Amino acid sequence: MKKKHIKSMSFGFTLVELMIVVVILGILAAIAIVTFTKYVRRAKVSEAYAMLGEIRAKQEAYRAEFSQYADVSGAKSLGSGLWPQATPTGQKMPWGDPPVAWKQLGVHPDGPVYMCYTTAGGLPGDGLGGPNPPPIVNTDHWWAARAVGDLDTDGTLSYYDVTNRINTVLITNEGE
């Protein structure tokens, strides 16, 4: 009896080919994580822009009613009166029950916030205090608002400032 020899053809991947695929997937995952982290941080920063816009609108409404801007800080300073707490943590913080000055201004976020906020208002001739205050024109009534955040929780704070004279947000240490 004659035996037939059949060539066996094996289909599969070698160990080297599998390792190359694993390395490629690892590189793609690393790129995706960095991109996702930047996207999340930008989303958190957008909260500051929205809240500062709301503070701007509420300050103008407050002046229309009371002929002056609200000084929520209590000291005409962007270094005091931060709410919901004095130091941002990078985590969401509940807005809670704000001080009376915030209630009078009428700022109410939709939910917890990543940043801490303050706003100061003054009369002609008054100055603005606090760390790195934005420029103000104090020949008339004025206001300034600040969002303070530590989104990457490294202890370095980022500042987002607006005033009644500046239509853009002034940023110091963006994304920190």
N, C-alpha and C. Protein backbone atom coordinates (compact mmCIF):
# COMPACT_ATOMS: atom_id res chain seq x y z
N MET A 1 0.83 -1.15 0.00
CA MET A 1 0.00 0.00 0.00
C MET A 1 0.89 1.23 0.00
N LYS A 2 0.47 2.11 -0.80
CA LYS A 2 1.22 3.32 -1.00
C LYS A 2 0.67 4.43 -0.13
N LYS A 3 1.56 5.08 0.56
CA LYS A 3 1.12 6.21 1.39
C LYS A 3 1.28 7.49 0.61
N LYS A 4 0.27 8.31 0.75
CA LYS A 4 0.37 9.62 0.12
C LYS A 4 0.92 10.60 1.14
N HIS A 5 1.86 11.32 0.71
CA HIS A 5 2.40 12.38 1.57
C HIS A 5 1.72 13.68 1.21
N ILE A 6 1.01 14.18 2.17
CA ILE A 6 0.32 15.46 1.96
C ILE A 6 1.12 16.52 2.69
N LYS A 7 1.42 17.55 1.95
CA LYS A 7 2.13 18.65 2.58
C LYS A 7 1.17 19.38 3.49
N SER A 8 1.55 19.49 4.70
CA SER A 8 0.67 20.25 5.59
C SER A 8 1.04 21.72 5.51
N MET A 9 0.03 22.50 5.27
CA MET A 9 0.24 23.94 5.20
C MET A 9 -0.40 24.54 6.43
N SER A 10 0.42 25.13 7.23
CA SER A 10 -0.13 25.74 8.44
C SER A 10 -0.31 27.23 8.20
N PHE A 11 -1.45 27.69 8.64
CA PHE A 11 -1.76 29.10 8.52
C PHE A 11 -1.75 29.69 9.93
N GLY A 12 -1.06 30.78 10.09
CA GLY A 12 -0.99 31.42 11.40
C GLY A 12 0.03 32.54 11.38
N PHE A 13 0.23 33.11 12.54
CA PHE A 13 1.16 34.23 12.66
C PHE A 13 2.35 33.80 13.50
N THR A 14 3.47 34.34 13.15
CA THR A 14 4.66 34.06 13.95
C THR A 14 4.65 34.95 15.18
N LEU A 15 5.48 34.62 16.11
CA LEU A 15 5.58 35.39 17.35
C LEU A 15 6.05 36.82 17.05
N VAL A 16 6.94 36.98 16.12
CA VAL A 16 7.43 38.31 15.76
C VAL A 16 6.30 39.16 15.20
N GLU A 17 5.49 38.60 14.34
CA GLU A 17 4.36 39.35 13.77
C GLU A 17 3.38 39.78 14.86
N LEU A 18 3.10 38.89 15.79
CA LEU A 18 2.20 39.23 16.89
C LEU A 18 2.78 40.34 17.76
N MET A 19 4.07 40.30 18.02
CA MET A 19 4.71 41.34 18.84
C MET A 19 4.67 42.70 18.13
N ILE A 20 4.82 42.71 16.84
CA ILE A 20 4.74 43.97 16.09
C ILE A 20 3.35 44.56 16.21
N VAL A 21 2.33 43.73 16.12
CA VAL A 21 0.95 44.21 16.28
C VAL A 21 0.74 44.77 17.68
N VAL A 22 1.26 44.10 18.69
CA VAL A 22 1.11 44.58 20.07
C VAL A 22 1.79 45.94 20.25
N VAL A 23 2.97 46.12 19.69
CA VAL A 23 3.68 47.40 19.78
C VAL A 23 2.89 48.50 19.10
N ILE A 24 2.37 48.23 17.92
CA ILE A 24 1.58 49.23 17.19
C ILE A 24 0.34 49.62 17.99
N LEU A 25 -0.35 48.64 18.57
CA LEU A 25 -1.53 48.93 19.39
C LEU A 25 -1.16 49.76 20.62
N GLY A 26 -0.02 49.48 21.22
CA GLY A 26 0.44 50.26 22.37
C GLY A 26 0.70 51.71 22.01
N ILE A 27 1.32 51.95 20.88
CA ILE A 27 1.58 53.32 20.42
C ILE A 27 0.27 54.05 20.15
N LEU A 28 -0.65 53.40 19.48
CA LEU A 28 -1.95 54.02 19.20
C LEU A 28 -2.71 54.33 20.50
N ALA A 29 -2.63 53.45 21.47
CA ALA A 29 -3.30 53.69 22.76
C ALA A 29 -2.69 54.89 23.48
N ALA A 30 -1.37 55.01 23.45
CA ALA A 30 -0.70 56.14 24.10
C ALA A 30 -1.12 57.46 23.45
N ILE A 31 -1.19 57.49 22.14
CA ILE A 31 -1.62 58.71 21.43
C ILE A 31 -3.06 59.03 21.77
N ALA A 32 -3.90 58.01 21.83
CA ALA A 32 -5.32 58.23 22.14
C ALA A 32 -5.50 58.79 23.55
N ILE A 33 -4.73 58.30 24.52
CA ILE A 33 -4.85 58.79 25.90
C ILE A 33 -4.46 60.26 25.99
N VAL A 34 -3.37 60.65 25.34
CA VAL A 34 -2.94 62.05 25.37
C VAL A 34 -4.00 62.94 24.72
N THR A 35 -4.51 62.53 23.59
CA THR A 35 -5.54 63.31 22.89
C THR A 35 -6.80 63.41 23.72
N PHE A 36 -7.22 62.33 24.34
CA PHE A 36 -8.42 62.33 25.16
C PHE A 36 -8.25 63.24 26.38
N THR A 37 -7.07 63.21 27.00
CA THR A 37 -6.81 64.06 28.16
C THR A 37 -6.90 65.53 27.78
N LYS A 38 -6.34 65.91 26.64
CA LYS A 38 -6.43 67.30 26.18
C LYS A 38 -7.88 67.69 25.91
N TYR A 39 -8.63 66.79 25.33
CA TYR A 39 -10.05 67.06 25.04
C TYR A 39 -10.83 67.28 26.33
N VAL A 40 -10.60 66.44 27.33
CA VAL A 40 -11.30 66.58 28.62
C VAL A 40 -10.92 67.90 29.29
N ARG A 41 -9.65 68.26 29.25
CA ARG A 41 -9.22 69.52 29.88
C ARG A 41 -9.86 70.72 29.18
N ARG A 42 -9.94 70.68 27.85
CA ARG A 42 -10.61 71.77 27.12
C ARG A 42 -12.08 71.87 27.50
N ALA A 43 -12.72 70.74 27.71
CA ALA A 43 -14.13 70.75 28.12
C ALA A 43 -14.27 71.38 29.50
N LYS A 44 -13.34 71.11 30.40
CA LYS A 44 -13.39 71.71 31.73
C LYS A 44 -13.15 73.22 31.67
N VAL A 45 -12.25 73.65 30.80
CA VAL A 45 -11.97 75.08 30.65
C VAL A 45 -13.18 75.81 30.07
N SER A 46 -13.96 75.14 29.24
CA SER A 46 -15.13 75.80 28.65
C SER A 46 -16.13 76.21 29.73
N GLU A 47 -16.11 75.52 30.88
CA GLU A 47 -16.96 75.94 32.00
C GLU A 47 -16.61 77.36 32.43
N ALA A 48 -15.32 77.67 32.49
CA ALA A 48 -14.90 79.02 32.91
C ALA A 48 -15.43 80.07 31.95
N TYR A 49 -15.34 79.81 30.65
CA TYR A 49 -15.84 80.78 29.67
C TYR A 49 -17.34 81.01 29.84
N ALA A 50 -18.08 79.93 30.06
CA ALA A 50 -19.53 80.05 30.22
C ALA A 50 -19.88 80.82 31.50
N MET A 51 -19.22 80.49 32.61
CA MET A 51 -19.52 81.17 33.87
C MET A 51 -19.11 82.64 33.82
N LEU A 52 -17.96 82.94 33.22
CA LEU A 52 -17.55 84.33 33.11
C LEU A 52 -18.51 85.12 32.23
N GLY A 53 -19.05 84.48 31.20
CA GLY A 53 -20.07 85.13 30.38
C GLY A 53 -21.33 85.40 31.17
N GLU A 54 -21.72 84.45 32.03
CA GLU A 54 -22.90 84.66 32.87
C GLU A 54 -22.65 85.78 33.88
N ILE A 55 -21.45 85.80 34.47
CA ILE A 55 -21.12 86.87 35.42
C ILE A 55 -21.17 88.22 34.71
N ARG A 56 -20.65 88.28 33.48
CA ARG A 56 -20.69 89.53 32.71
C ARG A 56 -22.13 90.02 32.56
N ALA A 57 -23.01 89.13 32.14
CA ALA A 57 -24.41 89.51 31.93
C ALA A 57 -25.07 89.95 33.24
N LYS A 58 -24.79 89.22 34.32
CA LYS A 58 -25.40 89.56 35.62
C LYS A 58 -24.85 90.87 36.17
N GLN A 59 -23.57 91.14 35.95
CA GLN A 59 -23.00 92.42 36.42
C GLN A 59 -23.65 93.60 35.69
N GLU A 60 -23.86 93.46 34.39
CA GLU A 60 -24.49 94.55 33.64
C GLU A 60 -25.94 94.75 34.07
N ALA A 61 -26.64 93.64 34.34
CA ALA A 61 -28.02 93.75 34.83
C ALA A 61 -28.04 94.39 36.22
N TYR A 62 -27.07 94.03 37.05
CA TYR A 62 -26.98 94.60 38.40
C TYR A 62 -26.76 96.11 38.33
N ARG A 63 -25.87 96.54 37.42
CA ARG A 63 -25.62 97.99 37.30
C ARG A 63 -26.86 98.71 36.78
N ALA A 64 -27.58 98.10 35.86
CA ALA A 64 -28.79 98.73 35.34
C ALA A 64 -29.81 98.96 36.45
N GLU A 65 -29.82 98.05 37.43
CA GLU A 65 -30.80 98.17 38.52
C GLU A 65 -30.30 99.03 39.68
N PHE A 66 -29.01 98.92 40.03
CA PHE A 66 -28.49 99.59 41.23
C PHE A 66 -27.49 100.71 40.95
N SER A 67 -27.22 101.02 39.70
CA SER A 67 -26.30 102.09 39.29
C SER A 67 -24.85 101.85 39.73
N GLN A 68 -24.50 100.63 40.03
CA GLN A 68 -23.11 100.26 40.32
C GLN A 68 -22.97 98.76 40.12
N TYR A 69 -21.73 98.30 40.05
CA TYR A 69 -21.49 96.87 39.88
C TYR A 69 -21.37 96.20 41.24
N ALA A 70 -21.67 94.91 41.30
CA ALA A 70 -21.59 94.15 42.55
C ALA A 70 -20.14 93.82 42.89
N ASP A 71 -19.81 93.91 44.16
CA ASP A 71 -18.49 93.50 44.65
C ASP A 71 -18.66 92.25 45.50
N VAL A 72 -18.71 91.11 44.83
CA VAL A 72 -18.90 89.83 45.51
C VAL A 72 -17.69 89.50 46.37
N SER A 73 -16.50 89.96 45.96
CA SER A 73 -15.28 89.65 46.70
C SER A 73 -15.29 90.27 48.09
N GLY A 74 -16.00 91.37 48.26
CA GLY A 74 -16.05 92.04 49.55
C GLY A 74 -14.85 92.92 49.83
N ALA A 75 -13.86 92.93 48.94
CA ALA A 75 -12.65 93.71 49.18
C ALA A 75 -12.10 94.35 47.91
N LYS A 76 -12.92 94.43 46.86
CA LYS A 76 -12.46 94.94 45.57
C LYS A 76 -11.15 94.25 45.16
N SER A 77 -11.16 92.93 45.29
CA SER A 77 -9.97 92.14 45.02
C SER A 77 -10.35 90.82 44.37
N LEU A 78 -9.56 90.40 43.38
CA LEU A 78 -9.79 89.09 42.77
C LEU A 78 -9.05 87.99 43.52
N GLY A 79 -8.48 88.34 44.68
CA GLY A 79 -7.82 87.35 45.51
C GLY A 79 -8.67 86.90 46.68
N SER A 80 -9.88 87.44 46.80
CA SER A 80 -10.75 87.06 47.92
C SER A 80 -12.16 86.80 47.41
N GLY A 81 -12.94 86.18 48.24
CA GLY A 81 -14.34 85.91 47.89
C GLY A 81 -14.53 84.80 46.89
N LEU A 82 -13.54 83.91 46.73
CA LEU A 82 -13.69 82.80 45.78
C LEU A 82 -14.79 81.86 46.24
N TRP A 83 -15.62 81.42 45.29
CA TRP A 83 -16.70 80.49 45.60
C TRP A 83 -16.73 79.43 44.54
N PRO A 84 -16.93 78.18 44.82
CA PRO A 84 -17.49 77.58 46.02
C PRO A 84 -16.48 77.29 47.13
N GLN A 85 -15.19 77.48 46.89
CA GLN A 85 -14.23 77.34 47.99
C GLN A 85 -13.01 78.16 47.66
N ALA A 86 -12.11 78.33 48.63
CA ALA A 86 -10.97 79.22 48.46
C ALA A 86 -9.90 78.67 47.53
N THR A 87 -9.76 77.36 47.46
CA THR A 87 -8.73 76.76 46.63
C THR A 87 -9.33 75.67 45.76
N PRO A 88 -9.14 75.75 44.44
CA PRO A 88 -9.67 74.70 43.56
C PRO A 88 -8.88 73.41 43.73
N THR A 89 -9.56 72.30 43.50
CA THR A 89 -8.94 70.99 43.70
C THR A 89 -8.78 70.19 42.41
N GLY A 90 -9.37 70.64 41.33
CA GLY A 90 -9.36 69.86 40.09
C GLY A 90 -10.54 68.91 40.00
N GLN A 91 -11.27 68.77 41.08
CA GLN A 91 -12.47 67.92 41.11
C GLN A 91 -13.71 68.82 41.09
N LYS A 92 -14.83 68.25 40.70
CA LYS A 92 -16.07 69.02 40.71
C LYS A 92 -16.46 69.35 42.14
N MET A 93 -16.90 70.61 42.32
CA MET A 93 -17.31 71.08 43.64
C MET A 93 -18.76 71.54 43.54
N PRO A 94 -19.60 71.18 44.51
CA PRO A 94 -20.98 71.66 44.46
C PRO A 94 -21.03 73.17 44.71
N TRP A 95 -21.92 73.86 44.01
CA TRP A 95 -22.07 75.30 44.19
C TRP A 95 -22.64 75.60 45.57
N GLY A 96 -23.49 74.73 46.04
CA GLY A 96 -24.03 74.86 47.40
C GLY A 96 -24.85 76.12 47.61
N ASP A 97 -24.80 76.63 48.83
CA ASP A 97 -25.54 77.82 49.23
C ASP A 97 -24.56 78.98 49.29
N PRO A 98 -24.46 79.78 48.23
CA PRO A 98 -23.44 80.83 48.17
C PRO A 98 -23.72 81.98 49.14
N PRO A 99 -22.72 82.81 49.40
CA PRO A 99 -22.93 83.99 50.23
C PRO A 99 -23.99 84.92 49.62
N VAL A 100 -24.49 85.82 50.42
CA VAL A 100 -25.56 86.73 50.01
C VAL A 100 -25.18 87.52 48.76
N ALA A 101 -23.94 87.97 48.67
CA ALA A 101 -23.51 88.78 47.52
C ALA A 101 -23.67 88.01 46.21
N TRP A 102 -23.36 86.71 46.22
CA TRP A 102 -23.54 85.90 45.01
C TRP A 102 -25.03 85.76 44.69
N LYS A 103 -25.84 85.59 45.73
CA LYS A 103 -27.28 85.47 45.51
C LYS A 103 -27.84 86.76 44.92
N GLN A 104 -27.36 87.91 45.42
CA GLN A 104 -27.84 89.19 44.90
C GLN A 104 -27.44 89.38 43.45
N LEU A 105 -26.25 88.92 43.10
CA LEU A 105 -25.80 89.02 41.72
C LEU A 105 -26.62 88.10 40.82
N GLY A 106 -27.04 86.95 41.34
CA GLY A 106 -27.92 86.06 40.58
C GLY A 106 -27.23 85.04 39.72
N VAL A 107 -25.98 84.70 40.01
CA VAL A 107 -25.25 83.70 39.25
C VAL A 107 -25.57 82.32 39.83
N HIS A 108 -26.07 81.43 38.97
CA HIS A 108 -26.44 80.08 39.40
C HIS A 108 -25.99 79.08 38.34
N PRO A 109 -24.88 78.36 38.56
CA PRO A 109 -24.49 77.33 37.59
C PRO A 109 -25.48 76.17 37.60
N ASP A 110 -25.47 75.40 36.53
CA ASP A 110 -26.40 74.27 36.39
C ASP A 110 -26.07 73.11 37.32
N GLY A 111 -24.86 73.03 37.79
CA GLY A 111 -24.47 71.92 38.65
C GLY A 111 -23.12 72.19 39.27
N PRO A 112 -22.43 71.14 39.72
CA PRO A 112 -21.11 71.32 40.31
C PRO A 112 -20.13 71.94 39.31
N VAL A 113 -19.08 72.60 39.83
CA VAL A 113 -18.13 73.31 38.98
C VAL A 113 -16.70 72.84 39.28
N TYR A 114 -15.82 72.96 38.29
CA TYR A 114 -14.41 72.61 38.45
C TYR A 114 -13.59 73.78 38.97
N MET A 115 -14.06 75.00 38.71
CA MET A 115 -13.29 76.19 39.04
C MET A 115 -13.95 76.96 40.17
N CYS A 116 -13.15 77.84 40.79
CA CYS A 116 -13.66 78.76 41.80
C CYS A 116 -13.77 80.13 41.16
N TYR A 117 -14.76 80.91 41.58
CA TYR A 117 -15.06 82.18 40.92
C TYR A 117 -15.15 83.31 41.93
N THR A 118 -14.80 84.50 41.47
CA THR A 118 -15.02 85.72 42.23
C THR A 118 -15.23 86.86 41.25
N THR A 119 -15.85 87.90 41.72
CA THR A 119 -16.02 89.10 40.92
C THR A 119 -15.99 90.30 41.85
N ALA A 120 -15.37 91.36 41.38
CA ALA A 120 -15.25 92.59 42.17
C ALA A 120 -15.78 93.74 41.34
N GLY A 121 -16.38 94.69 42.01
CA GLY A 121 -16.86 95.89 41.34
C GLY A 121 -16.46 97.11 42.14
N GLY A 122 -16.27 98.22 41.44
CA GLY A 122 -15.84 99.41 42.15
C GLY A 122 -16.36 100.69 41.53
N LEU A 123 -16.18 101.74 42.29
CA LEU A 123 -16.59 103.08 41.87
C LEU A 123 -15.42 103.76 41.16
N PRO A 124 -15.67 104.88 40.49
CA PRO A 124 -14.56 105.61 39.87
C PRO A 124 -13.49 105.94 40.92
N GLY A 125 -12.26 105.69 40.57
CA GLY A 125 -11.14 105.96 41.47
C GLY A 125 -10.72 104.78 42.31
N ASP A 126 -11.57 103.77 42.46
CA ASP A 126 -11.22 102.57 43.23
C ASP A 126 -10.21 101.73 42.45
N GLY A 127 -9.34 101.05 43.17
CA GLY A 127 -8.38 100.15 42.55
C GLY A 127 -8.81 98.70 42.70
N LEU A 128 -8.15 97.83 41.97
CA LEU A 128 -8.44 96.39 42.01
C LEU A 128 -7.24 95.66 42.57
N GLY A 129 -7.46 94.84 43.60
CA GLY A 129 -6.38 94.07 44.21
C GLY A 129 -6.42 92.62 43.81
N GLY A 130 -5.51 91.85 44.39
CA GLY A 130 -5.44 90.42 44.13
C GLY A 130 -4.20 90.07 43.34
N PRO A 131 -3.89 88.78 43.24
CA PRO A 131 -2.71 88.36 42.47
C PRO A 131 -2.92 88.58 40.97
N ASN A 132 -1.98 89.27 40.35
CA ASN A 132 -2.01 89.53 38.91
C ASN A 132 -3.37 90.04 38.43
N PRO A 133 -3.85 91.16 38.96
CA PRO A 133 -5.17 91.63 38.52
C PRO A 133 -5.14 92.09 37.06
N PRO A 134 -6.23 91.90 36.35
CA PRO A 134 -6.29 92.39 34.97
C PRO A 134 -6.37 93.92 34.97
N PRO A 135 -6.01 94.54 33.86
CA PRO A 135 -6.09 96.01 33.81
C PRO A 135 -7.55 96.47 33.81
N ILE A 136 -7.82 97.50 34.59
CA ILE A 136 -9.16 98.09 34.62
C ILE A 136 -9.03 99.58 34.32
N VAL A 137 -10.11 100.16 33.87
CA VAL A 137 -10.18 101.61 33.68
C VAL A 137 -11.08 102.12 34.80
N ASN A 138 -10.47 102.79 35.79
CA ASN A 138 -11.25 103.19 36.95
C ASN A 138 -11.69 104.65 36.91
N THR A 139 -11.86 105.18 35.70
CA THR A 139 -12.41 106.53 35.58
C THR A 139 -13.93 106.50 35.60
N ASP A 140 -14.48 105.30 35.60
CA ASP A 140 -15.93 105.10 35.66
C ASP A 140 -16.17 103.88 36.54
N HIS A 141 -17.42 103.52 36.76
CA HIS A 141 -17.72 102.28 37.47
C HIS A 141 -17.08 101.13 36.70
N TRP A 142 -16.61 100.13 37.41
CA TRP A 142 -15.92 99.01 36.76
C TRP A 142 -16.23 97.71 37.50
N TRP A 143 -15.97 96.60 36.81
CA TRP A 143 -16.03 95.28 37.42
C TRP A 143 -14.99 94.39 36.75
N ALA A 144 -14.57 93.37 37.48
CA ALA A 144 -13.68 92.35 36.95
C ALA A 144 -14.11 91.02 37.56
N ALA A 145 -13.93 89.95 36.81
CA ALA A 145 -14.29 88.61 37.31
C ALA A 145 -13.14 87.66 37.02
N ARG A 146 -13.03 86.65 37.86
CA ARG A 146 -11.94 85.68 37.71
C ARG A 146 -12.44 84.27 37.98
N ALA A 147 -11.96 83.35 37.15
CA ALA A 147 -12.12 81.92 37.40
C ALA A 147 -10.74 81.38 37.73
N VAL A 148 -10.64 80.59 38.78
CA VAL A 148 -9.36 80.02 39.22
C VAL A 148 -9.49 78.51 39.20
N GLY A 149 -8.54 77.84 38.56
CA GLY A 149 -8.61 76.39 38.48
C GLY A 149 -7.26 75.72 38.63
N ASP A 150 -7.29 74.46 38.97
CA ASP A 150 -6.11 73.60 39.01
C ASP A 150 -6.52 72.27 38.38
N LEU A 151 -6.73 72.29 37.07
CA LEU A 151 -7.33 71.15 36.39
C LEU A 151 -6.44 69.92 36.34
N ASP A 152 -5.11 70.11 36.38
CA ASP A 152 -4.23 68.95 36.35
C ASP A 152 -3.73 68.59 37.76
N THR A 153 -4.26 69.24 38.76
CA THR A 153 -3.99 68.97 40.19
C THR A 153 -2.50 68.93 40.53
N ASP A 154 -1.72 69.84 39.92
CA ASP A 154 -0.30 69.90 40.24
C ASP A 154 0.04 71.05 41.18
N GLY A 155 -0.97 71.78 41.64
CA GLY A 155 -0.74 72.89 42.57
C GLY A 155 -0.54 74.23 41.89
N THR A 156 -0.33 74.25 40.58
CA THR A 156 -0.19 75.50 39.84
C THR A 156 -1.57 75.94 39.38
N LEU A 157 -1.95 77.15 39.74
CA LEU A 157 -3.29 77.64 39.43
C LEU A 157 -3.32 78.34 38.08
N SER A 158 -4.43 78.21 37.39
CA SER A 158 -4.66 78.97 36.16
C SER A 158 -5.74 80.00 36.44
N TYR A 159 -5.60 81.16 35.81
CA TYR A 159 -6.52 82.27 36.02
C TYR A 159 -7.15 82.66 34.69
N TYR A 160 -8.45 82.89 34.72
CA TYR A 160 -9.21 83.34 33.55
C TYR A 160 -9.94 84.62 33.99
N ASP A 161 -9.56 85.77 33.40
CA ASP A 161 -10.08 87.06 33.84
C ASP A 161 -10.85 87.77 32.74
N VAL A 162 -11.90 88.48 33.13
CA VAL A 162 -12.63 89.39 32.24
C VAL A 162 -12.94 90.66 33.03
N THR A 163 -13.13 91.74 32.30
CA THR A 163 -13.54 93.00 32.91
C THR A 163 -14.63 93.63 32.06
N ASN A 164 -15.19 94.71 32.56
CA ASN A 164 -16.23 95.38 31.78
C ASN A 164 -15.66 96.07 30.54
N ARG A 165 -14.35 96.25 30.46
CA ARG A 165 -13.73 96.92 29.31
C ARG A 165 -13.05 95.96 28.34
N ILE A 166 -12.87 94.72 28.73
CA ILE A 166 -12.17 93.76 27.87
C ILE A 166 -13.14 92.66 27.48
N ASN A 167 -13.33 92.46 26.19
CA ASN A 167 -14.30 91.47 25.70
C ASN A 167 -13.73 90.06 25.59
N THR A 168 -12.42 89.93 25.69
CA THR A 168 -11.82 88.60 25.61
C THR A 168 -11.40 88.14 27.01
N VAL A 169 -11.21 86.86 27.15
CA VAL A 169 -10.77 86.30 28.43
C VAL A 169 -9.24 86.34 28.48
N LEU A 170 -8.70 86.95 29.53
CA LEU A 170 -7.25 86.99 29.73
C LEU A 170 -6.87 85.74 30.52
N ILE A 171 -5.91 84.98 30.00
CA ILE A 171 -5.57 83.68 30.58
C ILE A 171 -4.14 83.69 31.10
N THR A 172 -3.95 83.18 32.32
CA THR A 172 -2.63 82.99 32.90
C THR A 172 -2.51 81.51 33.29
N ASN A 173 -1.45 80.86 32.83
CA ASN A 173 -1.21 79.42 33.12
C ASN A 173 -2.35 78.55 32.61
N GLU A 174 -2.68 78.68 31.36
CA GLU A 174 -3.83 77.95 30.81
C GLU A 174 -3.71 76.45 31.01
N GLY A 175 -4.80 75.83 31.45
CA GLY A 175 -4.88 74.38 31.58
C GLY A 175 -4.20 73.80 32.79
N GLU A 176 -3.68 74.62 33.67
CA GLU A 176 -2.98 74.12 34.87
C GLU A 176 -3.94 73.62 35.89
